Amino acid sequence: MSKTTIFPPIGIAGAALVGKDTLCSAIIYQFNCNFNLKAKRCSIAGDTIRKDLKEMIFNKINVYIDMESPKIKENIRPLMVEYGRCMRNHTKGRYFIDILNKNKEFGRNYIPIIPDMRYSENDEVYWLKVEKKGLLIFLEREGIEPANKYEEKNNKILKKAADFILKVPTVLNTEDYFLKTDTEIEKIITTYRRDIFRPSNKS
């Protein structure tokens, strides 16, 4: 039987629109192309929220949640945020975490990069850093402030718990910025390989 490696995840936190998905893509590129390690994006809540609400939003307002313009998506964002909060509160923060825990393929022979770390109260930070022994990055960008009071509250705790804090200047193309200034990403990957990932995590 071939050996299976279970990789700890890397989480990315920060305000909405700060560039978390772009940073996620840059980290995946570095792992895959420069370090010969397979990494891929995973969602802790966003994908599940879209799946849970997809049919209801289409039936009620005739909107395809995955295909509409940024303006329409911004209009339905409050509903998605409140649904996420409701499910977290109803399950004491475990709804989205437990879905990932039930996925036997999560982290199996690939490094999960999670660009939607948002909650900190015995919730996603505890799961990432204590249960999964993973790494947390907090991303800041000039001119981008928390979208609401819940994000502001949680971001303070997320930033304090972060292993790395990255500050991005205001640029037109965040993707180009990450590709041209990859030193910080290399530091993150080096720390992950040295301190987080343990080759003993094999079965």
Protein backbone atom coordinates (compact mmCIF):
# COMPACT_ATOMS: atom_id res chain seq x y z
CA MET A 1 0.00 0.00 0.00
CA SER A 2 1.38 3.44 -0.96
CA LYS A 3 2.13 5.92 1.79
CA THR A 4 -0.25 8.82 2.39
CA THR A 5 0.96 12.18 3.71
CA ILE A 6 -1.49 14.36 5.62
CA PHE A 7 -0.41 17.99 5.31
CA PRO A 8 -1.37 20.71 7.83
CA PRO A 9 -3.23 23.65 6.26
CA ILE A 10 -2.11 27.23 5.74
CA GLY A 11 -4.80 29.80 6.52
CA ILE A 12 -5.01 33.37 5.23
CA ALA A 13 -6.95 36.06 7.10
CA GLY A 14 -7.61 39.75 6.46
CA ALA A 15 -10.33 42.21 5.55
CA ALA A 16 -12.65 41.63 2.61
CA LEU A 17 -11.09 42.64 -0.74
CA VAL A 18 -7.58 42.77 0.72
CA GLY A 19 -6.28 40.15 -1.74
CA LYS A 20 -6.46 36.86 0.17
CA ASP A 21 -7.34 34.76 -2.88
CA THR A 22 -4.53 36.38 -4.87
CA LEU A 23 -2.04 35.60 -2.12
CA CYS A 24 -3.43 32.07 -2.01
CA SER A 25 -2.73 31.64 -5.73
CA ALA A 26 0.81 33.00 -5.34
CA ILE A 27 1.58 30.57 -2.51
CA ILE A 28 0.18 27.65 -4.49
CA TYR A 29 2.31 28.67 -7.47
CA GLN A 30 5.45 28.72 -5.33
CA PHE A 31 4.75 25.35 -3.75
CA ASN A 32 3.89 23.68 -7.04
CA CYS A 33 6.52 25.22 -9.31
CA ASN A 34 9.49 26.09 -7.11
CA PHE A 35 9.28 23.59 -4.28
CA ASN A 36 7.77 20.60 -6.08
CA LEU A 37 5.02 20.21 -3.49
CA LYS A 38 1.36 19.95 -4.44
CA ALA A 39 -0.83 22.66 -2.95
CA LYS A 40 -4.38 23.74 -3.72
CA ARG A 41 -7.05 26.17 -2.56
CA CYS A 42 -9.62 25.00 -0.01
CA SER A 43 -12.48 26.99 1.47
CA ILE A 44 -13.38 26.82 5.13
CA ALA A 45 -16.82 28.40 4.71
CA GLY A 46 -17.31 30.31 1.46
CA ASP A 47 -17.84 27.32 -0.83
CA THR A 48 -20.23 25.68 1.65
CA ILE A 49 -22.21 28.91 2.08
CA ARG A 50 -22.59 29.26 -1.68
CA LYS A 51 -23.67 25.63 -1.97
CA ASP A 52 -26.19 25.97 0.88
CA LEU A 53 -27.73 29.20 -0.44
CA LYS A 54 -27.45 28.66 -4.19
CA GLU A 55 -30.94 27.28 -4.82
CA MET A 56 -32.72 29.69 -2.48
CA ILE A 57 -31.05 32.79 -3.97
CA PHE A 58 -31.84 31.67 -7.51
CA ASN A 59 -35.48 30.88 -6.68
CA LYS A 60 -36.07 34.14 -4.82
CA ILE A 61 -34.13 36.75 -6.83
CA ASN A 62 -33.13 34.90 -10.01
CA VAL A 63 -29.39 35.26 -9.34
CA TYR A 64 -26.73 32.61 -9.99
CA ILE A 65 -24.55 32.97 -6.92
CA ASP A 66 -21.37 31.77 -8.70
CA MET A 67 -21.76 33.62 -11.99
CA GLU A 68 -22.98 37.16 -11.35
CA SER A 69 -21.15 40.49 -11.55
CA PRO A 70 -19.14 41.86 -8.61
CA LYS A 71 -21.89 44.45 -8.00
CA ILE A 72 -24.61 41.79 -7.64
CA LYS A 73 -22.34 39.63 -5.51
CA GLU A 74 -21.77 42.62 -3.23
CA ASN A 75 -25.55 42.96 -2.86
CA ILE A 76 -25.93 39.38 -1.64
CA ARG A 77 -22.77 39.41 0.52
CA PRO A 78 -24.67 40.52 3.70
CA LEU A 79 -26.97 37.50 3.36
CA MET A 80 -24.00 35.16 3.00
CA VAL A 81 -22.20 36.74 5.97
CA GLU A 82 -25.25 36.48 8.22
CA TYR A 83 -25.90 32.89 7.17
CA GLY A 84 -22.32 32.03 8.05
CA ARG A 85 -22.64 33.70 11.44
CA CYS A 86 -25.96 31.96 12.09
CA MET A 87 -24.56 28.49 11.35
CA ARG A 88 -21.44 29.14 13.44
CA ASN A 89 -23.51 30.37 16.39
CA HIS A 90 -25.95 27.47 16.09
CA THR A 91 -23.11 24.91 16.25
CA LYS A 92 -20.76 26.79 18.61
CA GLY A 93 -18.41 27.49 15.73
CA ARG A 94 -18.20 23.94 14.41
CA TYR A 95 -20.48 23.85 11.34
CA PHE A 96 -17.92 24.58 8.61
CA ILE A 97 -15.02 22.99 10.49
CA ASP A 98 -16.88 19.71 10.92
CA ILE A 99 -17.67 19.60 7.19
CA LEU A 100 -13.94 19.83 6.44
CA ASN A 101 -13.13 17.27 9.15
CA LYS A 102 -15.52 14.79 7.55
CA ASN A 103 -13.72 15.16 4.21
CA LYS A 104 -11.22 12.30 4.30
CA GLU A 105 -9.35 13.80 1.34
CA PHE A 106 -8.63 17.11 3.08
CA GLY A 107 -4.86 17.58 3.15
CA ARG A 108 -4.29 14.12 1.76
CA ASN A 109 -1.12 14.33 -0.35
CA TYR A 110 -1.57 18.07 -0.90
CA ILE A 111 -1.14 21.25 1.15
CA PRO A 112 -4.49 22.98 1.77
CA ILE A 113 -4.33 26.77 1.38
CA ILE A 114 -7.41 28.41 2.95
CA PRO A 115 -7.97 32.07 1.93
CA ASP A 116 -11.14 32.67 3.97
CA MET A 117 -10.13 32.53 7.63
CA ARG A 118 -12.59 34.92 9.30
CA TYR A 119 -13.51 33.88 12.83
CA SER A 120 -11.44 33.58 15.95
CA GLU A 121 -13.63 32.74 18.94
CA ASN A 122 -12.82 29.08 19.66
CA ASP A 123 -13.51 28.62 16.00
CA GLU A 124 -11.31 28.68 12.94
CA VAL A 125 -8.06 29.83 14.58
CA TYR A 126 -8.29 27.10 17.23
CA TRP A 127 -9.06 24.50 14.57
CA LEU A 128 -6.21 25.65 12.30
CA LYS A 129 -3.45 26.14 14.86
CA VAL A 130 -4.32 23.66 17.62
CA GLU A 131 -6.31 20.86 16.00
CA LYS A 132 -4.56 20.88 12.62
CA LYS A 133 -1.15 22.29 13.69
CA GLY A 134 -1.26 24.69 10.75
CA LEU A 135 0.10 28.12 9.88
CA LEU A 136 -1.82 31.42 9.89
CA ILE A 137 -1.06 34.45 7.69
CA PHE A 138 -2.69 37.84 8.20
CA LEU A 139 -2.82 40.08 5.13
CA GLU A 140 -3.16 43.87 5.27
CA ARG A 141 -3.47 46.34 2.41
CA GLU A 142 -3.26 50.11 2.43
CA GLY A 143 -6.70 51.69 2.21
CA ILE A 144 -8.65 48.51 2.97
CA GLU A 145 -10.61 48.57 6.23
CA PRO A 146 -12.82 45.89 7.85
CA ALA A 147 -16.17 45.55 6.12
CA ASN A 148 -18.25 45.43 9.33
CA LYS A 149 -17.99 45.35 13.12
CA TYR A 150 -17.74 41.55 13.20
CA GLU A 151 -14.80 41.57 10.79
CA GLU A 152 -13.12 44.35 12.76
CA LYS A 153 -13.48 42.42 16.02
CA ASN A 154 -12.24 39.13 14.64
CA ASN A 155 -9.41 40.63 12.60
CA LYS A 156 -7.79 42.02 15.74
CA ILE A 157 -7.62 38.51 17.22
CA LEU A 158 -6.64 36.89 13.92
CA LYS A 159 -3.78 39.34 13.46
CA LYS A 160 -2.54 38.70 16.99
CA ALA A 161 -2.61 34.94 16.42
CA ALA A 162 -0.91 35.11 12.99
CA ASP A 163 2.47 33.51 12.36
CA PHE A 164 3.10 36.00 9.54
CA ILE A 165 1.72 39.50 8.91
CA LEU A 166 2.04 40.71 5.33
CA LYS A 167 1.47 44.37 4.44
CA VAL A 168 0.67 45.11 0.81
CA PRO A 169 0.81 48.65 -0.62
CA THR A 170 -1.96 50.05 -2.76
CA VAL A 171 -1.24 48.69 -6.23
CA LEU A 172 -3.33 48.30 -9.35
CA ASN A 173 -2.41 44.65 -9.84
CA THR A 174 -1.99 42.69 -6.61
CA GLU A 175 -1.18 39.52 -8.56
CA ASP A 176 1.84 41.14 -10.21
CA TYR A 177 2.94 42.49 -6.84
CA PHE A 178 3.01 39.04 -5.25
CA LEU A 179 4.80 37.51 -8.24
CA LYS A 180 7.49 40.20 -8.26
CA THR A 181 8.01 40.29 -4.47
CA ASP A 182 8.00 36.61 -3.59
CA THR A 183 10.61 36.82 -0.79
CA GLU A 184 7.94 36.90 1.92
CA ILE A 185 6.15 33.94 0.37
CA GLU A 186 9.41 32.00 0.31
CA LYS A 187 9.86 32.77 4.03
CA ILE A 188 6.37 31.43 4.71
CA ILE A 189 7.05 28.24 2.78
CA THR A 190 10.43 27.77 4.46
CA THR A 191 8.80 28.14 7.89
CA TYR A 192 6.06 25.73 6.91
CA ARG A 193 8.50 23.08 5.73
CA ARG A 194 10.81 23.53 8.74
CA ASP A 195 8.43 24.10 11.67
CA ILE A 196 4.91 23.06 10.62
CA PHE A 197 5.08 20.08 8.31
CA ARG A 198 6.40 16.95 9.96
CA PRO A 199 7.32 14.00 7.71
CA SER A 200 6.00 11.75 10.48
CA ASN A 201 2.45 12.73 9.44
CA LYS A 202 2.24 9.65 7.22
CA SER A 203 0.03 6.58 7.18
